[in-house]
Amino acid sequence: MTPARVMIVEDEAITAMATGAMLKRLGHQVAASVGSGAAALEAFRRYNPDLVLMDIRLDGDMDGIETARAIRADSDVPVVFVSAYVDAQTRQRAAETSPFAFVPKPLDEYELGALMCRLRKVLPS
């Protein structure tokens, strides 16, 4: 399988580093790792990732759902929400962006590996 180029959008540095390390162990590349919606939009245009792992609570004015909405307006790149905030209202707002998945934190390597296997069908070869 060709490694996926994944953009991590996470405002907690330790969580972003752990996610990046898991992705690398699974054979994928971290295209970018950013902590705010504005930085995510800039990095998305610059690095053209195959997948976006998006937290919902972010630094700055835009949350992850607003950021995903902006990304999905111009692209069909899959967005996966990875968040501790899984209440019904948050899920409904997130669902409006047509995410590939919604995964609760904490994300573990086994779950991430399973997610990447599911994504294999929609990621570039």
PDB file of N, CA and C in Angstrom:
ATOM      1  N   MET A   1       0.839  -1.186   0.000  1.00  0.00           N
ATOM      2  CA  MET A   1       0.000   0.000   0.000  1.00  0.00           C
ATOM      3  C   MET A   1       0.880   1.244   0.000  1.00  0.00           C
ATOM      4  N   THR A   2       0.529   2.212  -0.814  1.00  0.00           N
ATOM      5  CA  THR A   2       1.229   3.480  -0.844  1.00  0.00           C
ATOM      6  C   THR A   2       0.929   4.237   0.449  1.00  0.00           C
ATOM      7  N   PRO A   3       1.958   4.825   1.077  1.00  0.00           N
ATOM      8  CA  PRO A   3       1.699   5.575   2.309  1.00  0.00           C
ATOM      9  C   PRO A   3       0.776   6.763   2.045  1.00  0.00           C
ATOM     10  N   ALA A   4      -0.152   6.985   2.961  1.00  0.00           N
ATOM     11  CA  ALA A   4      -1.026   8.158   2.877  1.00  0.00           C
ATOM     12  C   ALA A   4      -0.292   9.361   3.448  1.00  0.00           C
ATOM     13  N   ARG A   5      -0.548  10.525   2.855  1.00  0.00           N
ATOM     14  CA  ARG A   5      -0.027  11.796   3.368  1.00  0.00           C
ATOM     15  C   ARG A   5      -1.138  12.398   4.215  1.00  0.00           C
ATOM     16  N   VAL A   6      -0.930  12.426   5.522  1.00  0.00           N
ATOM     17  CA  VAL A   6      -1.975  12.795   6.475  1.00  0.00           C
ATOM     18  C   VAL A   6      -1.662  14.143   7.113  1.00  0.00           C
ATOM     19  N   MET A   7      -2.664  15.004   7.168  1.00  0.00           N
ATOM     20  CA  MET A   7      -2.538  16.269   7.885  1.00  0.00           C
ATOM     21  C   MET A   7      -3.247  16.108   9.223  1.00  0.00           C
ATOM     22  N   ILE A   8      -2.534  16.426  10.294  1.00  0.00           N
ATOM     23  CA  ILE A   8      -3.077  16.367  11.650  1.00  0.00           C
ATOM     24  C   ILE A   8      -3.453  17.790  12.068  1.00  0.00           C
ATOM     25  N   VAL A   9      -4.700  17.975  12.464  1.00  0.00           N
ATOM     26  CA  VAL A   9      -5.156  19.275  12.960  1.00  0.00           C
ATOM     27  C   VAL A   9      -5.556  19.056  14.412  1.00  0.00           C
ATOM     28  N   GLU A  10      -4.672  19.460  15.317  1.00  0.00           N
ATOM     29  CA  GLU A  10      -4.812  19.177  16.746  1.00  0.00           C
ATOM     30  C   GLU A  10      -4.109  20.263  17.526  1.00  0.00           C
ATOM     31  N   ASP A  11      -4.804  20.893  18.478  1.00  0.00           N
ATOM     32  CA  ASP A  11      -4.204  21.989  19.239  1.00  0.00           C
ATOM     33  C   ASP A  11      -3.397  21.521  20.444  1.00  0.00           C
ATOM     34  N   GLU A  12      -3.470  20.265  20.815  1.00  0.00           N
ATOM     35  CA  GLU A  12      -2.667  19.726  21.910  1.00  0.00           C
ATOM     36  C   GLU A  12      -1.411  19.096  21.315  1.00  0.00           C
ATOM     37  N   ALA A  13      -0.254  19.717  21.560  1.00  0.00           N
ATOM     38  CA  ALA A  13       0.998  19.285  20.928  1.00  0.00           C
ATOM     39  C   ALA A  13       1.336  17.834  21.228  1.00  0.00           C
ATOM     40  N   ILE A  14       1.149  17.405  22.452  1.00  0.00           N
ATOM     41  CA  ILE A  14       1.474  16.019  22.835  1.00  0.00           C
ATOM     42  C   ILE A  14       0.601  15.039  22.053  1.00  0.00           C
ATOM     43  N   THR A  15      -0.677  15.349  21.911  1.00  0.00           N
ATOM     44  CA  THR A  15      -1.593  14.485  21.168  1.00  0.00           C
ATOM     45  C   THR A  15      -1.210  14.445  19.696  1.00  0.00           C
ATOM     46  N   ALA A  16      -0.873  15.602  19.134  1.00  0.00           N
ATOM     47  CA  ALA A  16      -0.457  15.655  17.730  1.00  0.00           C
ATOM     48  C   ALA A  16       0.812  14.833  17.502  1.00  0.00           C
ATOM     49  N   MET A  17       1.784  14.952  18.410  1.00  0.00           N
ATOM     50  CA  MET A  17       3.027  14.183  18.270  1.00  0.00           C
ATOM     51  C   MET A  17       2.756  12.686  18.381  1.00  0.00           C
ATOM     52  N   ALA A  18       1.901  12.286  19.322  1.00  0.00           N
ATOM     53  CA  ALA A  18       1.573  10.865  19.483  1.00  0.00           C
ATOM     54  C   ALA A  18       0.868  10.322  18.243  1.00  0.00           C
ATOM     55  N   THR A  19      -0.050  11.092  17.702  1.00  0.00           N
ATOM     56  CA  THR A  19      -0.759  10.672  16.493  1.00  0.00           C
ATOM     57  C   THR A  19       0.210  10.552  15.321  1.00  0.00           C
ATOM     58  N   GLY A  20       1.101  11.519  15.188  1.00  0.00           N
ATOM     59  CA  GLY A  20       2.106  11.467  14.126  1.00  0.00           C
ATOM     60  C   GLY A  20       3.002  10.245  14.251  1.00  0.00           C
ATOM     61  N   ALA A  21       3.413   9.929  15.463  1.00  0.00           N
ATOM     62  CA  ALA A  21       4.266   8.754  15.693  1.00  0.00           C
ATOM     63  C   ALA A  21       3.524   7.471  15.321  1.00  0.00           C
ATOM     64  N   MET A  22       2.241   7.393  15.674  1.00  0.00           N
ATOM     65  CA  MET A  22       1.451   6.214  15.313  1.00  0.00           C
ATOM     66  C   MET A  22       1.336   6.075  13.801  1.00  0.00           C
ATOM     67  N   LEU A  23       1.058   7.187  13.128  1.00  0.00           N
ATOM     68  CA  LEU A  23       0.946   7.153  11.666  1.00  0.00           C
ATOM     69  C   LEU A  23       2.237   6.658  11.028  1.00  0.00           C
ATOM     70  N   LYS A  24       3.361   7.155  11.519  1.00  0.00           N
ATOM     71  CA  LYS A  24       4.652   6.735  10.967  1.00  0.00           C
ATOM     72  C   LYS A  24       4.891   5.249  11.206  1.00  0.00           C
ATOM     73  N   ARG A  25       4.567   4.754  12.392  1.00  0.00           N
ATOM     74  CA  ARG A  25       4.727   3.321  12.664  1.00  0.00           C
ATOM     75  C   ARG A  25       3.833   2.482  11.754  1.00  0.00           C
ATOM     76  N   LEU A  26       2.710   3.034  11.363  1.00  0.00           N
ATOM     77  CA  LEU A  26       1.785   2.332  10.467  1.00  0.00           C
ATOM     78  C   LEU A  26       2.177   2.482   8.995  1.00  0.00           C
ATOM     79  N   GLY A  27       3.260   3.214   8.738  1.00  0.00           N
ATOM     80  CA  GLY A  27       3.766   3.332   7.373  1.00  0.00           C
ATOM     81  C   GLY A  27       3.249   4.515   6.589  1.00  0.00           C
ATOM     82  N   HIS A  28       2.688   5.497   7.270  1.00  0.00           N
ATOM     83  CA  HIS A  28       2.153   6.676   6.589  1.00  0.00           C
ATOM     84  C   HIS A  28       3.017   7.895   6.872  1.00  0.00           C
ATOM     85  N   GLN A  29       2.748   8.981   6.161  1.00  0.00           N
ATOM     86  CA  GLN A  29       3.528  10.214   6.292  1.00  0.00           C
ATOM     87  C   GLN A  29       2.664  11.310   6.905  1.00  0.00           C
ATOM     88  N   VAL A  30       3.290  12.150   7.722  1.00  0.00           N
ATOM     89  CA  VAL A  30       2.608  13.329   8.246  1.00  0.00           C
ATOM     90  C   VAL A  30       2.940  14.477   7.302  1.00  0.00           C
ATOM     91  N   ALA A  31       1.948  14.907   6.532  1.00  0.00           N
ATOM     92  CA  ALA A  31       2.149  15.998   5.575  1.00  0.00           C
ATOM     93  C   ALA A  31       2.279  17.329   6.305  1.00  0.00           C
ATOM     94  N   ALA A  32       1.512  17.500   7.386  1.00  0.00           N
ATOM     95  CA  ALA A  32       1.548  18.726   8.183  1.00  0.00           C
ATOM     96  C   ALA A  32       0.864  18.434   9.509  1.00  0.00           C
ATOM     97  N   SER A  33       1.233  19.204  10.521  1.00  0.00           N
ATOM     98  CA  SER A  33       0.598  19.129  11.826  1.00  0.00           C
ATOM     99  C   SER A  33       0.411  20.555  12.317  1.00  0.00           C
ATOM    100  N   VAL A  34      -0.837  20.962  12.486  1.00  0.00           N
ATOM    101  CA  VAL A  34      -1.158  22.342  12.852  1.00  0.00           C
ATOM    102  C   VAL A  34      -2.189  22.354  13.972  1.00  0.00           C
ATOM    103  N   GLY A  35      -2.340  23.510  14.631  1.00  0.00           N
ATOM    104  CA  GLY A  35      -3.216  23.596  15.784  1.00  0.00           C
ATOM    105  C   GLY A  35      -4.392  24.532  15.670  1.00  0.00           C
ATOM    106  N   SER A  36      -4.555  25.192  14.528  1.00  0.00           N
ATOM    107  CA  SER A  36      -5.680  26.116  14.382  1.00  0.00           C
ATOM    108  C   SER A  36      -6.345  25.918  13.021  1.00  0.00           C
ATOM    109  N   GLY A  37      -7.569  26.399  12.922  1.00  0.00           N
ATOM    110  CA  GLY A  37      -8.297  26.291  11.663  1.00  0.00           C
ATOM    111  C   GLY A  37      -7.624  27.061  10.539  1.00  0.00           C
ATOM    112  N   ALA A  38      -7.187  28.288  10.831  1.00  0.00           N
ATOM    113  CA  ALA A  38      -6.532  29.100   9.806  1.00  0.00           C
ATOM    114  C   ALA A  38      -5.262  28.425   9.307  1.00  0.00           C
ATOM    115  N   ALA A  39      -4.461  27.890  10.226  1.00  0.00           N
ATOM    116  CA  ALA A  39      -3.234  27.193   9.833  1.00  0.00           C
ATOM    117  C   ALA A  39      -3.567  25.937   9.042  1.00  0.00           C
ATOM    118  N   ALA A  40      -4.665  25.271   9.388  1.00  0.00           N
ATOM    119  CA  ALA A  40      -5.071  24.065   8.667  1.00  0.00           C
ATOM    120  C   ALA A  40      -5.424  24.385   7.222  1.00  0.00           C
ATOM    121  N   LEU A  41      -6.156  25.457   6.999  1.00  0.00           N
ATOM    122  CA  LEU A  41      -6.526  25.819   5.634  1.00  0.00           C
ATOM    123  C   LEU A  41      -5.293  26.152   4.800  1.00  0.00           C
ATOM    124  N   GLU A  42      -4.361  26.872   5.394  1.00  0.00           N
ATOM    125  CA  GLU A  42      -3.118  27.210   4.692  1.00  0.00           C
ATOM    126  C   GLU A  42      -2.306  25.945   4.393  1.00  0.00           C
ATOM    127  N   ALA A  43      -2.147  25.084   5.392  1.00  0.00           N
ATOM    128  CA  ALA A  43      -1.369  23.848   5.210  1.00  0.00           C
ATOM    129  C   ALA A  43      -2.053  22.918   4.214  1.00  0.00           C
ATOM    130  N   PHE A  44      -3.364  22.872   4.226  1.00  0.00           N
ATOM    131  CA  PHE A  44      -4.089  22.016   3.290  1.00  0.00           C
ATOM    132  C   PHE A  44      -3.787  22.430   1.846  1.00  0.00           C
ATOM    133  N   ARG A  45      -3.837  23.730   1.580  1.00  0.00           N
ATOM    134  CA  ARG A  45      -3.534  24.217   0.224  1.00  0.00           C
ATOM    135  C   ARG A  45      -2.081  23.974  -0.143  1.00  0.00           C
ATOM    136  N   ARG A  46      -1.193  24.119   0.806  1.00  0.00           N
ATOM    137  CA  ARG A  46       0.237  23.982   0.540  1.00  0.00           C
ATOM    138  C   ARG A  46       0.669  22.532   0.348  1.00  0.00           C
ATOM    139  N   TYR A  47       0.170  21.614   1.194  1.00  0.00           N
ATOM    140  CA  TYR A  47       0.688  20.249   1.211  1.00  0.00           C
ATOM    141  C   TYR A  47      -0.212  19.214   0.542  1.00  0.00           C
ATOM    142  N   ASN A  48      -1.449  19.571   0.218  1.00  0.00           N
ATOM    143  CA  ASN A  48      -2.350  18.684  -0.505  1.00  0.00           C
ATOM    144  C   ASN A  48      -2.377  17.263   0.083  1.00  0.00           C
ATOM    145  N   PRO A  49      -2.778  17.108   1.341  1.00  0.00           N
ATOM    146  CA  PRO A  49      -2.766  15.784   1.967  1.00  0.00           C
ATOM    147  C   PRO A  49      -3.832  14.860   1.373  1.00  0.00           C
ATOM    148  N   ASP A  50      -3.666  13.570   1.625  1.00  0.00           N
ATOM    149  CA  ASP A  50      -4.641  12.566   1.197  1.00  0.00           C
ATOM    150  C   ASP A  50      -5.772  12.413   2.204  1.00  0.00           C
ATOM    151  N   LEU A  51      -5.518  12.816   3.451  1.00  0.00           N
ATOM    152  CA  LEU A  51      -6.443  12.625   4.553  1.00  0.00           C
ATOM    153  C   LEU A  51      -6.207  13.708   5.595  1.00  0.00           C
ATOM    154  N   VAL A  52      -7.277  14.132   6.264  1.00  0.00           N
ATOM    155  CA  VAL A  52      -7.171  15.096   7.362  1.00  0.00           C
ATOM    156  C   VAL A  52      -7.740  14.462   8.631  1.00  0.00           C
ATOM    157  N   LEU A  53      -6.915  14.385   9.675  1.00  0.00           N
ATOM    158  CA  LEU A  53      -7.382  13.993  11.003  1.00  0.00           C
ATOM    159  C   LEU A  53      -7.636  15.287  11.764  1.00  0.00           C
ATOM    160  N   MET A  54      -8.888  15.561  12.103  1.00  0.00           N
ATOM    161  CA  MET A  54      -9.305  16.874  12.599  1.00  0.00           C
ATOM    162  C   MET A  54      -9.890  16.808  14.000  1.00  0.00           C
ATOM    163  N   ASP A  55      -9.280  17.531  14.926  1.00  0.00           N
ATOM    164  CA  ASP A  55      -9.885  17.733  16.240  1.00  0.00           C
ATOM    165  C   ASP A  55     -11.009  18.754  16.073  1.00  0.00           C
ATOM    166  N   ILE A  56     -11.951  18.762  16.981  1.00  0.00           N
ATOM    167  CA  ILE A  56     -13.044  19.734  16.890  1.00  0.00           C
ATOM    168  C   ILE A  56     -12.706  21.015  17.622  1.00  0.00           C
ATOM    169  N   ARG A  57     -12.127  20.921  18.798  1.00  0.00           N
ATOM    170  CA  ARG A  57     -11.717  22.114  19.536  1.00  0.00           C
ATOM    171  C   ARG A  57     -10.312  22.498  19.099  1.00  0.00           C
ATOM    172  N   LEU A  58     -10.177  23.703  18.548  1.00  0.00           N
ATOM    173  CA  LEU A  58      -8.891  24.172  18.034  1.00  0.00           C
ATOM    174  C   LEU A  58      -8.575  25.555  18.570  1.00  0.00           C
ATOM    175  N   ASP A  59      -7.304  25.925  18.486  1.00  0.00           N
ATOM    176  CA  ASP A  59      -6.905  27.295  18.785  1.00  0.00           C
ATOM    177  C   ASP A  59      -7.462  28.211  17.699  1.00  0.00           C
ATOM    178  N   GLY A  60      -7.713  29.458  18.039  1.00  0.00           N
ATOM    179  CA  GLY A  60      -8.134  30.438  17.050  1.00  0.00           C
ATOM    180  C   GLY A  60      -9.641  30.571  16.942  1.00  0.00           C
ATOM    181  N   ASP A  61     -10.065  31.263  15.892  1.00  0.00           N
ATOM    182  CA  ASP A  61     -11.474  31.612  15.711  1.00  0.00           C
ATOM    183  C   ASP A  61     -12.326  30.487  15.122  1.00  0.00           C
ATOM    184  N   MET A  62     -11.722  29.593  14.368  1.00  0.00           N
ATOM    185  CA  MET A  62     -12.476  28.514  13.717  1.00  0.00           C
ATOM    186  C   MET A  62     -12.326  27.217  14.503  1.00  0.00           C
ATOM    187  N   ASP A  63     -13.424  26.505  14.696  1.00  0.00           N
ATOM    188  CA  ASP A  63     -13.294  25.176  15.283  1.00  0.00           C
ATOM    189  C   ASP A  63     -13.061  24.169  14.155  1.00  0.00           C
ATOM    190  N   GLY A  64     -12.896  22.914  14.512  1.00  0.00           N
ATOM    191  CA  GLY A  64     -12.604  21.894  13.522  1.00  0.00           C
ATOM    192  C   GLY A  64     -13.735  21.662  12.542  1.00  0.00           C
ATOM    193  N   ILE A  65     -14.967  21.842  13.000  1.00  0.00           N
ATOM    194  CA  ILE A  65     -16.110  21.637  12.111  1.00  0.00           C
ATOM    195  C   ILE A  65     -16.147  22.728  11.044  1.00  0.00           C
ATOM    196  N   GLU A  66     -15.942  23.969  11.442  1.00  0.00           N
ATOM    197  CA  GLU A  66     -15.897  25.065  10.463  1.00  0.00           C
ATOM    198  C   GLU A  66     -14.735  24.867   9.496  1.00  0.00           C
ATOM    199  N   THR A  67     -13.607  24.420  10.018  1.00  0.00           N
ATOM    200  CA  THR A  67     -12.434  24.183   9.180  1.00  0.00           C
ATOM    201  C   THR A  67     -12.717  23.059   8.190  1.00  0.00           C
ATOM    202  N   ALA A  68     -13.321  21.983   8.659  1.00  0.00           N
ATOM    203  CA  ALA A  68     -13.668  20.872   7.764  1.00  0.00           C
ATOM    204  C   ALA A  68     -14.647  21.330   6.689  1.00  0.00           C
ATOM    205  N   ARG A  69     -15.599  22.158   7.058  1.00  0.00           N
ATOM    206  CA  ARG A  69     -16.569  22.674   6.086  1.00  0.00           C
ATOM    207  C   ARG A  69     -15.847  23.441   4.982  1.00  0.00           C
ATOM    208  N   ALA A  70     -14.871  24.265   5.353  1.00  0.00           N
ATOM    209  CA  ALA A  70     -14.105  25.032   4.360  1.00  0.00           C
ATOM    210  C   ALA A  70     -13.268  24.105   3.467  1.00  0.00           C
ATOM    211  N   ILE A  71     -12.669  23.099   4.043  1.00  0.00           N
ATOM    212  CA  ILE A  71     -11.873  22.147   3.258  1.00  0.00           C
ATOM    213  C   ILE A  71     -12.772  21.375   2.298  1.00  0.00           C
ATOM    214  N   ARG A  72     -13.899  20.895   2.800  1.00  0.00           N
ATOM    215  CA  ARG A  72     -14.795  20.079   1.981  1.00  0.00           C
ATOM    216  C   ARG A  72     -15.486  20.895   0.883  1.00  0.00           C
ATOM    217  N   ALA A  73     -15.551  22.211   1.024  1.00  0.00           N
ATOM    218  CA  ALA A  73     -16.158  23.052  -0.009  1.00  0.00           C
ATOM    219  C   ALA A  73     -15.348  23.006  -1.300  1.00  0.00           C
ATOM    220  N   ASP A  74     -14.039  22.784  -1.186  1.00  0.00           N
ATOM    221  CA  ASP A  74     -13.163  22.808  -2.353  1.00  0.00           C
ATOM    222  C   ASP A  74     -12.526  21.470  -2.677  1.00  0.00           C
ATOM    223  N   SER A  75     -12.793  20.435  -1.873  1.00  0.00           N
ATOM    224  CA  SER A  75     -12.047  19.197  -2.022  1.00  0.00           C
ATOM    225  C   SER A  75     -12.871  18.002  -1.562  1.00  0.00           C
ATOM    226  N   ASP A  76     -12.549  16.848  -2.113  1.00  0.00           N
ATOM    227  CA  ASP A  76     -13.192  15.623  -1.646  1.00  0.00           C
ATOM    228  C   ASP A  76     -12.256  14.789  -0.771  1.00  0.00           C
ATOM    229  N   VAL A  77     -11.172  15.408  -0.279  1.00  0.00           N
ATOM    230  CA  VAL A  77     -10.245  14.720   0.614  1.00  0.00           C
ATOM    231  C   VAL A  77     -10.999  14.314   1.875  1.00  0.00           C
ATOM    232  N   PRO A  78     -10.874  13.048   2.290  1.00  0.00           N
ATOM    233  CA  PRO A  78     -11.586  12.597   3.493  1.00  0.00           C
ATOM    234  C   PRO A  78     -11.127  13.329   4.749  1.00  0.00           C
ATOM    235  N   VAL A  79     -12.100  13.667   5.581  1.00  0.00           N
ATOM    236  CA  VAL A  79     -11.844  14.269   6.889  1.00  0.00           C
ATOM    237  C   VAL A  79     -12.360  13.298   7.946  1.00  0.00           C
ATOM    238  N   VAL A  80     -11.520  13.018   8.926  1.00  0.00           N
ATOM    239  CA  VAL A  80     -11.907  12.179  10.055  1.00  0.00           C
ATOM    240  C   VAL A  80     -11.829  13.040  11.307  1.00  0.00           C
ATOM    241  N   PHE A  81     -12.940  13.160  12.009  1.00  0.00           N
ATOM    242  CA  PHE A  81     -12.923  13.890  13.271  1.00  0.00           C
ATOM    243  C   PHE A  81     -12.419  12.967  14.368  1.00  0.00           C
ATOM    244  N   VAL A  82     -11.440  13.453  15.116  1.00  0.00           N
ATOM    245  CA  VAL A  82     -10.893  12.739  16.266  1.00  0.00           C
ATOM    246  C   VAL A  82     -11.053  13.693  17.439  1.00  0.00           C
ATOM    247  N   SER A  83     -12.031  13.408  18.310  1.00  0.00           N
ATOM    248  CA  SER A  83     -12.343  14.382  19.344  1.00  0.00           C
ATOM    249  C   SER A  83     -12.903  13.740  20.595  1.00  0.00           C
ATOM    250  N   ALA A  84     -12.655  14.383  21.713  1.00  0.00           N
ATOM    251  CA  ALA A  84     -13.238  13.961  22.982  1.00  0.00           C
ATOM    252  C   ALA A  84     -14.677  14.452  23.102  1.00  0.00           C
ATOM    253  N   TYR A  85     -15.084  15.369  22.250  1.00  0.00           N
ATOM    254  CA  TYR A  85     -16.416  15.958  22.307  1.00  0.00           C
ATOM    255  C   TYR A  85     -17.350  15.191  21.381  1.00  0.00           C
ATOM    256  N   VAL A  86     -18.128  14.285  21.957  1.00  0.00           N
ATOM    257  CA  VAL A  86     -18.961  13.403  21.150  1.00  0.00           C
ATOM    258  C   VAL A  86     -20.449  13.531  21.483  1.00  0.00           C
ATOM    259  N   ASP A  87     -20.875  14.664  22.022  1.00  0.00           N
ATOM    260  CA  ASP A  87     -22.286  14.838  22.336  1.00  0.00           C
ATOM    261  C   ASP A  87     -23.100  14.910  21.041  1.00  0.00           C
ATOM    262  N   ALA A  88     -24.398  14.737  21.160  1.00  0.00           N
ATOM    263  CA  ALA A  88     -25.277  14.655  19.985  1.00  0.00           C
ATOM    264  C   ALA A  88     -25.235  15.918  19.126  1.00  0.00           C
ATOM    265  N   GLN A  89     -25.235  17.074  19.758  1.00  0.00           N
ATOM    266  CA  GLN A  89     -25.224  18.324  18.987  1.00  0.00           C
ATOM    267  C   GLN A  89     -23.923  18.464  18.197  1.00  0.00           C
ATOM    268  N   THR A  90     -22.797  18.128  18.810  1.00  0.00           N
ATOM    269  CA  THR A  90     -21.504  18.197  18.126  1.00  0.00           C
ATOM    270  C   THR A  90     -21.473  17.200  16.972  1.00  0.00           C
ATOM    271  N   ARG A  91     -21.964  15.994  17.209  1.00  0.00           N
ATOM    272  CA  ARG A  91     -22.015  14.989  16.144  1.00  0.00           C
ATOM    273  C   ARG A  91     -22.871  15.472  14.977  1.00  0.00           C
ATOM    274  N   GLN A  92     -23.984  16.120  15.273  1.00  0.00           N
ATOM    275  CA  GLN A  92     -24.863  16.621  14.208  1.00  0.00           C
ATOM    276  C   GLN A  92     -24.157  17.690  13.381  1.00  0.00           C
ATOM    277  N   ARG A  93     -23.500  18.637  14.047  1.00  0.00           N
ATOM    278  CA  ARG A  93     -22.754  19.682  13.317  1.00  0.00           C
ATOM    279  C   ARG A  93     -21.657  19.045  12.468  1.00  0.00           C
ATOM    280  N   ALA A  94     -20.939  18.076  13.044  1.00  0.00           N
ATOM    281  CA  ALA A  94     -19.858  17.408  12.323  1.00  0.00           C
ATOM    282  C   ALA A  94     -20.409  16.640  11.123  1.00  0.00           C
ATOM    283  N   ALA A  95     -21.543  15.981  11.293  1.00  0.00           N
ATOM    284  CA  ALA A  95     -22.134  15.183  10.211  1.00  0.00           C
ATOM    285  C   ALA A  95     -22.469  16.041   8.994  1.00  0.00           C
ATOM    286  N   GLU A  96     -22.768  17.314   9.205  1.00  0.00           N
ATOM    287  CA  GLU A  96     -23.099  18.215   8.102  1.00  0.00           C
ATOM    288  C   GLU A  96     -21.924  18.447   7.159  1.00  0.00           C
ATOM    289  N   THR A  97     -20.710  18.090   7.573  1.00  0.00           N
ATOM    290  CA  THR A  97     -19.525  18.259   6.723  1.00  0.00           C
ATOM    291  C   THR A  97     -19.193  16.984   5.944  1.00  0.00           C
ATOM    292  N   SER A  98     -20.007  15.952   6.088  1.00  0.00           N
ATOM    293  CA  SER A  98     -19.793  14.653   5.431  1.00  0.00           C
ATOM    294  C   SER A  98     -18.418  14.065   5.742  1.00  0.00           C
ATOM    295  N   PRO A  99     -18.103  13.889   7.020  1.00  0.00           N
ATOM    296  CA  PRO A  99     -16.803  13.302   7.352  1.00  0.00           C
ATOM    297  C   PRO A  99     -16.760  11.821   6.993  1.00  0.00           C
ATOM    298  N   PHE A 100     -15.548  11.304   6.813  1.00  0.00           N
ATOM    299  CA  PHE A 100     -15.385   9.877   6.568  1.00  0.00           C
ATOM    300  C   PHE A 100     -15.714   9.092   7.840  1.00  0.00           C
ATOM    301  N   ALA A 101     -15.329   9.652   8.989  1.00  0.00           N
ATOM    302  CA  ALA A 101     -15.560   8.972  10.266  1.00  0.00           C
ATOM    303  C   ALA A 101     -15.499   9.988  11.398  1.00  0.00           C
ATOM    304  N   PHE A 102     -15.977   9.551  12.552  1.00  0.00           N
ATOM    305  CA  PHE A 102     -15.907  10.326  13.781  1.00  0.00           C
ATOM    306  C   PHE A 102     -15.380   9.378  14.840  1.00  0.00           C
ATOM    307  N   VAL A 103     -14.153   9.614  15.305  1.00  0.00           N
ATOM    308  CA  VAL A 103     -13.483   8.705  16.230  1.00  0.00           C
ATOM    309  C   VAL A 103     -13.256   9.429  17.557  1.00  0.00           C
ATOM    310  N   PRO A 104     -13.699   8.818  18.666  1.00  0.00           N
ATOM    311  CA  PRO A 104     -13.482   9.467  19.964  1.00  0.00           C
ATOM    312  C   PRO A 104     -12.026   9.363  20.425  1.00  0.00           C
ATOM    313  N   LYS A 105     -11.599  10.378  21.162  1.00  0.00           N
ATOM    314  CA  LYS A 105     -10.286  10.337  21.815  1.00  0.00           C
ATOM    315  C   LYS A 105     -10.430   9.533  23.096  1.00  0.00           C
ATOM    316  N   PRO A 106      -9.386   8.933  23.574  1.00  0.00           N
ATOM    317  CA  PRO A 106      -8.045   8.934  22.990  1.00  0.00           C
ATOM    318  C   PRO A 106      -7.947   7.917  21.848  1.00  0.00           C
ATOM    319  N   LEU A 107      -7.290   8.305  20.797  1.00  0.00           N
ATOM    320  CA  LEU A 107      -7.073   7.451  19.634  1.00  0.00           C
ATOM    321  C   LEU A 107      -5.931   6.494  19.940  1.00  0.00           C
ATOM    322  N   ASP A 108      -6.148   5.218  19.688  1.00  0.00           N
ATOM    323  CA  ASP A 108      -5.047   4.281  19.896  1.00  0.00           C
ATOM    324  C   ASP A 108      -4.562   3.756  18.546  1.00  0.00           C
ATOM    325  N   GLU A 109      -3.392   3.149  18.550  1.00  0.00           N
ATOM    326  CA  GLU A 109      -2.754   2.730  17.301  1.00  0.00           C
ATOM    327  C   GLU A 109      -3.557   1.651  16.578  1.00  0.00           C
ATOM    328  N   TYR A 110      -4.148   0.742  17.316  1.00  0.00           N
ATOM    329  CA  TYR A 110      -4.954  -0.299  16.685  1.00  0.00           C
ATOM    330  C   TYR A 110      -6.136   0.326  15.947  1.00  0.00           C
ATOM    331  N   GLU A 111      -6.835   1.244  16.613  1.00  0.00           N
ATOM    332  CA  GLU A 111      -7.987   1.912  16.004  1.00  0.00           C
ATOM    333  C   GLU A 111      -7.560   2.738  14.791  1.00  0.00           C
ATOM    334  N   LEU A 112      -6.429   3.422  14.901  1.00  0.00           N
ATOM    335  CA  LEU A 112      -5.923   4.209  13.780  1.00  0.00           C
ATOM    336  C   LEU A 112      -5.562   3.301  12.604  1.00  0.00           C
ATOM    337  N   GLY A 113      -4.951   2.162  12.895  1.00  0.00           N
ATOM    338  CA  GLY A 113      -4.615   1.210  11.837  1.00  0.00           C
ATOM    339  C   GLY A 113      -5.860   0.695  11.123  1.00  0.00           C
ATOM    340  N   ALA A 114      -6.898   0.391  11.897  1.00  0.00           N
ATOM    341  CA  ALA A 114      -8.155  -0.075  11.305  1.00  0.00           C
ATOM    342  C   ALA A 114      -8.781   1.016  10.434  1.00  0.00           C
ATOM    343  N   LEU A 115      -8.725   2.247  10.914  1.00  0.00           N
ATOM    344  CA  LEU A 115      -9.247   3.373  10.144  1.00  0.00           C
ATOM    345  C   LEU A 115      -8.485   3.534   8.832  1.00  0.00           C
ATOM    346  N   MET A 116      -7.174   3.438   8.885  1.00  0.00           N
ATOM    347  CA  MET A 116      -6.355   3.588   7.672  1.00  0.00           C
ATOM    348  C   MET A 116      -6.647   2.461   6.682  1.00  0.00           C
ATOM    349  N   CYS A 117      -6.925   1.263   7.170  1.00  0.00           N
ATOM    350  CA  CYS A 117      -7.303   0.160   6.284  1.00  0.00           C
ATOM    351  C   CYS A 117      -8.631   0.452   5.594  1.00  0.00           C
ATOM    352  N   ARG A 118      -9.591   0.987   6.317  1.00  0.00           N
ATOM    353  CA  ARG A 118     -10.882   1.367   5.713  1.00  0.00           C
ATOM    354  C   ARG A 118     -10.705   2.464   4.690  1.00  0.00           C
ATOM    355  N   LEU A 119      -9.789   3.384   4.964  1.00  0.00           N
ATOM    356  CA  LEU A 119      -9.556   4.502   4.054  1.00  0.00           C
ATOM    357  C   LEU A 119      -8.825   4.081   2.781  1.00  0.00           C
ATOM    358  N   ARG A 120      -8.165   2.954   2.813  1.00  0.00           N
ATOM    359  CA  ARG A 120      -7.403   2.482   1.654  1.00  0.00           C
ATOM    360  C   ARG A 120      -8.254   2.503   0.384  1.00  0.00           C
ATOM    361  N   LYS A 121      -9.556   2.240   0.523  1.00  0.00           N
ATOM    362  CA  LYS A 121     -10.456   2.195  -0.630  1.00  0.00           C
ATOM    363  C   LYS A 121     -10.690   3.569  -1.255  1.00  0.00           C
ATOM    364  N   VAL A 122     -10.520   4.639  -0.488  1.00  0.00           N
ATOM    365  CA  VAL A 122     -10.795   5.978  -1.021  1.00  0.00           C
ATOM    366  C   VAL A 122      -9.541   6.823  -1.213  1.00  0.00           C
ATOM    367  N   LEU A 123      -8.413   6.360  -0.693  1.00  0.00           N
ATOM    368  CA  LEU A 123      -7.166   7.121  -0.847  1.00  0.00           C
ATOM    369  C   LEU A 123      -6.504   6.779  -2.175  1.00  0.00           C
ATOM    370  N   PRO A 124      -5.693   7.712  -2.707  1.00  0.00           N
ATOM    371  CA  PRO A 124      -4.988   7.432  -3.948  1.00  0.00           C
ATOM    372  C   PRO A 124      -4.048   6.238  -3.788  1.00  0.00           C
ATOM    373  N   SER A 125      -3.889   5.473  -4.855  1.00  0.00           N
ATOM    374  CA  SER A 125      -3.001   4.296  -4.819  1.00  0.00           C
ATOM    375  C   SER A 125      -1.558   4.696  -4.954  1.00  0.00           C
TER     376      SER A 125
END
